[in-house]
Protein backbone atom coordinates (compact mmCIF):
# COMPACT_ATOMS: atom_id res chain seq x y z
CA MET A 1 -9.82 37.61 2.76
CA ASP A 2 -13.64 37.80 3.04
CA GLU A 3 -14.01 35.85 -0.21
CA GLN A 4 -11.64 33.17 1.09
CA LYS A 5 -13.60 33.03 4.34
CA ASP A 6 -16.92 32.72 2.48
CA SER A 7 -15.45 29.99 0.29
CA GLN A 8 -14.26 28.02 3.31
CA VAL A 9 -17.72 28.29 4.88
CA TRP A 10 -19.21 26.78 1.72
CA VAL A 11 -16.65 23.97 1.67
CA ASP A 12 -17.26 23.15 5.33
CA ARG A 13 -21.02 23.03 4.77
CA ILE A 14 -20.70 20.89 1.65
CA ILE A 15 -18.31 18.37 3.20
CA ALA A 16 -20.50 18.15 6.30
CA GLN A 17 -23.47 17.36 4.02
CA ALA A 18 -21.43 14.70 2.19
CA GLN A 19 -20.51 13.13 5.52
CA ARG A 20 -24.22 12.63 6.19
CA LEU A 21 -24.70 10.45 3.10
CA PRO A 22 -25.69 6.90 4.07
CA PRO A 23 -22.57 4.68 4.08
CA PHE A 24 -22.04 2.67 0.91
CA PRO A 25 -23.24 -0.92 1.53
CA ASP A 26 -20.30 -3.09 2.57
CA VAL A 27 -21.56 -6.03 0.52
CA VAL A 28 -19.69 -4.69 -2.54
CA HIS A 29 -16.32 -4.82 -0.78
CA LYS A 30 -17.08 -8.35 0.39
CA VAL A 31 -18.33 -9.72 -2.95
CA MET A 32 -15.70 -8.27 -5.30
CA PRO A 33 -12.70 -10.13 -3.75
CA LEU A 34 -14.70 -13.38 -3.81
CA LEU A 35 -15.43 -12.92 -7.51
CA ARG A 36 -11.81 -12.04 -8.28
CA ASP A 37 -10.68 -15.17 -6.45
CA MET A 38 -13.34 -17.29 -8.21
CA ALA A 39 -14.73 -18.39 -4.85
CA PRO A 40 -17.40 -21.14 -4.74
CA VAL A 41 -20.95 -19.94 -5.42
CA LYS A 42 -21.93 -20.99 -1.88
CA GLN A 43 -19.50 -18.45 -0.38
CA ILE A 44 -20.85 -15.65 -2.55
CA GLU A 45 -24.41 -16.62 -1.64
CA GLU A 46 -23.52 -16.48 2.08
CA VAL A 47 -22.55 -12.82 1.72
CA ILE A 48 -25.45 -11.67 -0.46
CA LYS A 49 -28.25 -13.45 1.39
CA TYR A 50 -27.76 -11.26 4.47
CA GLU A 51 -28.47 -8.14 2.39
CA PRO A 52 -32.23 -8.54 1.68
CA VAL A 53 -32.55 -5.62 -0.73
CA ILE A 54 -29.51 -6.72 -2.78
CA ALA A 55 -30.55 -10.40 -2.71
CA ALA A 56 -34.06 -9.49 -3.91
CA ARG A 57 -32.64 -7.40 -6.75
CA VAL A 58 -30.28 -10.19 -7.84
CA LEU A 59 -33.19 -12.65 -7.88
CA SER A 60 -35.48 -10.24 -9.70
CA ILE A 61 -33.00 -9.56 -12.48
CA ALA A 62 -31.99 -13.22 -12.85
CA ARG A 63 -35.68 -14.09 -13.26
CA SER A 64 -36.28 -11.41 -15.88
CA PRO A 65 -37.02 -12.54 -19.45
CA TYR A 66 -33.49 -11.49 -20.46
CA TYR A 67 -31.97 -14.24 -18.27
CA ALA A 68 -34.83 -16.67 -17.62
CA ARG A 69 -34.35 -18.24 -21.04
CA LEU A 70 -30.91 -19.43 -19.95
CA ARG A 71 -31.93 -21.39 -16.87
CA LYS A 72 -34.81 -21.67 -14.42
CA VAL A 73 -34.02 -19.59 -11.33
CA GLU A 74 -35.47 -21.05 -8.14
CA SER A 75 -32.96 -19.78 -5.57
CA LEU A 76 -30.38 -17.08 -4.90
CA ARG A 77 -27.67 -19.61 -5.76
CA ASP A 78 -29.30 -20.23 -9.15
CA ALA A 79 -29.41 -16.47 -9.74
CA ILE A 80 -25.69 -16.09 -8.99
CA VAL A 81 -24.85 -18.86 -11.46
CA VAL A 82 -27.11 -17.44 -14.19
CA LEU A 83 -25.76 -13.91 -13.90
CA GLY A 84 -22.08 -14.86 -13.85
CA GLN A 85 -19.18 -12.88 -12.42
CA LYS A 86 -19.35 -9.68 -14.43
CA GLN A 87 -23.10 -9.28 -14.44
CA LEU A 88 -23.39 -10.13 -10.76
CA ILE A 89 -21.00 -7.41 -9.63
CA GLN A 90 -22.75 -4.93 -11.93
CA VAL A 91 -26.13 -5.82 -10.42
CA VAL A 92 -24.78 -5.57 -6.87
CA MET A 93 -23.01 -2.26 -7.61
CA THR A 94 -26.04 -0.69 -9.27
CA ALA A 95 -28.41 -1.91 -6.56
CA CYS A 96 -26.14 -0.37 -3.91
CA SER A 97 -25.69 2.89 -5.83
CA ALA A 98 -29.27 3.64 -6.86
CA GLN A 99 -30.26 5.25 -3.56
CA TYR A 100 -27.81 8.11 -4.10
CA PHE A 101 -28.90 9.07 -7.62
CA ARG A 102 -32.67 8.55 -7.86
CA GLY A 103 -33.96 12.05 -7.05
CA SER A 104 -34.01 15.17 -9.19
CA MET A 105 -30.86 17.32 -9.25
CA GLU A 106 -32.33 20.77 -9.80
CA GLY A 107 -29.01 22.59 -9.53
CA TYR A 108 -27.88 20.77 -12.69
CA ASP A 109 -31.31 20.93 -14.35
CA LEU A 110 -31.73 17.15 -14.17
CA ARG A 111 -35.18 15.66 -13.66
CA GLU A 112 -35.92 12.67 -11.44
CA GLY A 113 -33.81 9.70 -12.49
CA GLU A 114 -31.78 11.50 -15.16
CA LEU A 115 -28.53 11.51 -13.19
CA TRP A 116 -29.04 7.82 -12.41
CA GLU A 117 -29.58 7.04 -16.08
CA HIS A 118 -26.41 9.00 -16.92
CA ALA A 119 -24.42 7.15 -14.23
CA VAL A 120 -25.48 3.74 -15.55
CA GLY A 121 -24.86 4.88 -19.13
CA VAL A 122 -21.31 6.02 -18.36
CA ALA A 123 -20.62 2.80 -16.42
CA LEU A 124 -21.75 0.77 -19.44
CA MET A 125 -19.69 2.88 -21.83
CA THR A 126 -16.56 2.51 -19.68
CA GLU A 127 -17.08 -1.25 -19.80
CA ILE A 128 -17.46 -1.20 -23.60
CA LEU A 129 -14.38 1.01 -23.95
CA GLY A 130 -12.37 -1.14 -21.54
CA GLU A 131 -13.15 -4.28 -23.52
CA ARG A 132 -12.45 -2.59 -26.88
CA LEU A 133 -9.12 -1.27 -25.60
CA ARG A 134 -8.34 -4.68 -24.04
CA ARG A 135 -7.97 -3.39 -20.52
CA GLN A 136 -7.82 -5.92 -17.67
CA ASN A 137 -9.54 -3.67 -15.10
CA VAL A 138 -13.05 -3.58 -16.57
CA LEU A 139 -14.82 -4.00 -13.20
CA THR A 140 -12.78 -1.10 -11.77
CA LEU A 141 -13.73 1.01 -14.78
CA TYR A 142 -17.42 0.09 -14.42
CA THR A 143 -17.36 1.03 -10.72
CA ALA A 144 -15.67 4.38 -11.35
CA GLY A 145 -18.07 5.07 -14.22
CA LEU A 146 -21.11 4.33 -12.08
CA LEU A 147 -19.95 6.65 -9.29
CA HIS A 148 -18.22 9.36 -11.35
CA ASP A 149 -20.92 11.97 -10.63
CA ILE A 150 -21.61 11.05 -6.99
CA GLY A 151 -20.42 14.55 -6.03
CA LYS A 152 -23.45 16.01 -7.82
CA ALA A 153 -25.76 14.11 -5.47
CA VAL A 154 -24.65 16.52 -2.72
CA LEU A 155 -23.43 19.57 -4.62
CA HIS A 156 -26.64 20.17 -6.59
CA PHE A 157 -28.23 21.81 -3.51
CA TYR A 158 -25.46 24.40 -3.43
CA VAL A 159 -25.22 24.85 -7.21
CA LYS A 160 -28.94 25.68 -7.18
CA GLU A 161 -28.45 28.20 -4.37
CA GLU A 162 -25.54 29.94 -6.12
CA PHE A 163 -26.59 29.26 -9.72
CA GLU A 164 -26.66 32.89 -10.85
CA ARG A 165 -23.11 33.54 -9.60
CA ILE A 166 -21.86 30.39 -11.36
CA ILE A 167 -23.50 31.34 -14.66
CA VAL A 168 -22.05 34.86 -14.47
CA GLU A 169 -18.60 33.27 -14.16
CA VAL A 170 -19.34 31.06 -17.18
CA LYS A 171 -20.91 33.66 -19.47
CA GLN A 172 -19.25 36.93 -18.53
CA ASN A 173 -15.87 35.71 -17.37
CA ARG A 174 -15.75 32.79 -19.85
CA LYS A 175 -14.98 30.16 -17.24
CA ILE A 176 -15.69 26.50 -17.86
CA PHE A 177 -18.50 25.24 -15.64
CA ILE A 178 -16.41 23.10 -13.32
CA ASP A 179 -13.99 25.99 -12.65
CA ALA A 180 -16.91 28.33 -11.98
CA GLU A 181 -18.43 25.72 -9.69
CA ARG A 182 -15.19 25.38 -7.73
CA GLU A 183 -14.44 29.12 -7.56
CA THR A 184 -17.96 29.92 -6.37
CA LEU A 185 -18.41 27.09 -3.88
CA GLY A 186 -14.79 26.33 -2.99
CA ILE A 187 -15.07 22.76 -4.30
CA ASP A 188 -16.30 21.12 -7.51
CA HIS A 189 -18.24 17.89 -8.02
CA GLN A 190 -15.10 16.00 -9.14
CA GLN A 191 -13.26 16.86 -5.93
CA LEU A 192 -16.29 16.13 -3.76
CA GLY A 193 -16.90 12.84 -5.57
CA GLY A 194 -13.31 11.78 -4.91
CA LEU A 195 -13.70 12.58 -1.20
CA ILE A 196 -16.93 10.57 -0.99
CA ALA A 197 -15.43 7.56 -2.80
CA LYS A 198 -12.41 7.66 -0.50
CA LYS A 199 -14.67 7.80 2.57
CA TRP A 200 -16.48 4.73 1.21
CA ASN A 201 -13.15 2.87 1.01
CA PHE A 202 -13.03 2.44 -2.76
CA PRO A 203 -9.53 1.80 -4.16
CA ASP A 204 -7.31 4.66 -5.28
CA ALA A 205 -7.92 3.79 -8.94
CA VAL A 206 -11.65 4.45 -8.53
CA VAL A 207 -11.11 7.57 -6.40
CA THR A 208 -8.66 9.08 -8.91
CA GLY A 209 -10.88 8.29 -11.90
CA ILE A 210 -13.79 10.11 -10.25
CA ARG A 211 -11.59 12.98 -9.09
CA PHE A 212 -10.33 13.72 -12.63
CA HIS A 213 -13.10 12.54 -14.98
CA HIS A 214 -13.36 16.02 -16.55
CA THR A 215 -9.65 16.83 -16.36
CA PRO A 216 -7.71 13.59 -16.92
CA LYS A 217 -4.53 15.44 -17.91
CA LYS A 218 -4.22 16.56 -14.27
CA SER A 219 -4.40 13.04 -12.86
CA SER A 220 -1.41 11.01 -11.73
CA ASP A 221 0.37 8.90 -14.35
CA LYS A 222 -0.49 5.75 -12.40
CA TYR A 223 -4.24 6.16 -12.93
CA ARG A 224 -4.24 8.42 -15.98
CA ASP A 225 -5.67 5.64 -18.17
CA ILE A 226 -8.74 5.25 -15.93
CA ALA A 227 -9.35 9.00 -15.85
CA ASN A 228 -8.94 9.11 -19.67
CA ILE A 229 -11.48 6.34 -20.21
CA LEU A 230 -13.96 7.96 -17.82
CA TYR A 231 -13.55 11.27 -19.62
CA VAL A 232 -14.24 9.70 -23.00
CA ALA A 233 -17.19 7.63 -21.72
CA ASN A 234 -18.74 10.66 -20.04
CA ARG A 235 -18.24 12.77 -23.15
CA MET A 236 -19.80 10.18 -25.45
CA VAL A 237 -22.83 9.48 -23.25
CA SER A 238 -23.44 13.21 -22.80
CA SER A 239 -23.16 13.72 -26.58
CA ILE A 240 -26.30 11.64 -27.14
CA GLY A 241 -28.24 13.46 -24.44
CA ILE A 242 -28.34 10.89 -21.65
CA GLY A 243 -28.41 12.83 -18.37
CA CYS A 244 -26.71 15.84 -19.92
CA GLY A 245 -27.55 18.63 -17.46
CA ILE A 246 -26.93 22.36 -17.46
CA ASP A 247 -23.16 21.86 -17.21
CA GLY A 248 -23.22 19.62 -20.31
CA PHE A 249 -20.52 20.82 -22.64
CA LEU A 250 -19.60 23.82 -20.50
CA ASN A 251 -16.84 21.65 -19.06
CA PRO A 252 -13.25 21.17 -20.29
CA ASN A 253 -12.88 20.00 -23.86
CA GLN A 254 -9.85 17.71 -23.87
CA ASP A 255 -10.58 15.73 -27.00
CA GLU A 256 -6.89 15.00 -27.46
CA VAL A 257 -7.65 12.33 -24.85
CA PHE A 258 -9.43 10.41 -27.61
CA ASP A 259 -6.18 10.50 -29.61
CA GLU A 260 -4.18 9.39 -26.57
CA LEU A 261 -6.38 6.31 -26.27
CA GLY A 262 -6.24 5.69 -30.02
CA ILE A 263 -9.98 6.26 -30.49
CA THR A 264 -10.78 7.37 -34.04
CA SER A 265 -14.00 8.93 -35.38
CA ARG A 266 -14.88 5.59 -36.93
CA MET A 267 -14.41 3.86 -33.58
CA VAL A 268 -16.66 6.43 -31.89
CA GLU A 269 -19.46 5.56 -34.31
CA GLU A 270 -18.98 1.84 -33.70
CA LEU A 271 -18.82 2.25 -29.92
CA LEU A 272 -21.96 4.40 -29.86
CA ALA A 273 -23.82 1.83 -31.97
CA LYS A 274 -22.79 -0.96 -29.59
CA PHE A 275 -23.69 1.21 -26.62
CA GLY A 276 -27.14 1.96 -28.03
CA ASP A 277 -28.04 -1.73 -28.31
CA ALA A 278 -26.61 -2.61 -24.88
CA PHE A 279 -28.21 0.38 -23.15
CA LYS A 280 -31.61 -0.62 -24.49
CA ASP A 281 -31.20 -4.01 -22.79
CA ILE A 282 -29.75 -2.67 -19.57
CA LYS A 283 -32.59 -0.17 -19.15
CA GLU A 284 -35.03 -3.07 -19.03
CA PHE A 285 -33.45 -4.92 -16.12
CA ILE A 286 -31.29 -2.41 -14.21
CA LEU A 287 -32.82 1.04 -14.56
CA ASN A 288 -36.41 -0.10 -13.93
């Protein structure tokens, strides 16, 4: 009974901390429907221009050498045209998300910016996987990939505080990290991430993908494909050491998910090669 009581105290504290996160900027929920409906550029501009930080980021990226060769960018409207639908929503999403990931996450042994780099890497990999697998929901996948570890932004404080107990569970009792995390704190970063995404009014597909990105076999059939793709993207990005913290490969190994998606060893090599080239570009104009 005492253990259950202690666990509930932890959960209450953690959820209260998550509730204090700054609300996710509403501009994303306004821009995405406009892009889906192929609204006129003027309408999209009207939404973005009232978000100075986002507008400045869109302009800055559109004026970077990567895009400037395509067209001279003199206004926000020019920037929207140059970036195009997919790139624009990625820029807006990453600009809105950065504030939650920038710091160090000591509980997971991640230095300043490493979790952010991992988040962007997984988002990019989900996009690459979605296109390779011919999925129609690539923007949904990118969004879920970008936010998949949002739970760590809060939970790392508590993981640090209870780190020794968690590691005892992992090493002595042979628990996988996420189970040890949940049993020690009463909640794991998947569950917390799902709660945060739901509070921010992201669609169920995004919430479910985040909630089961380590354990896709436990997700609902309706969104199993998204959870599968997030699992694979996270696994592949971690395998090359991008933002791979203390939990790293101490989490569930469900590599049959690769088979379920039809991803062969040869495909993994090809996808990682494509990712490497794309990540090099994206680091120049999104991560900096």
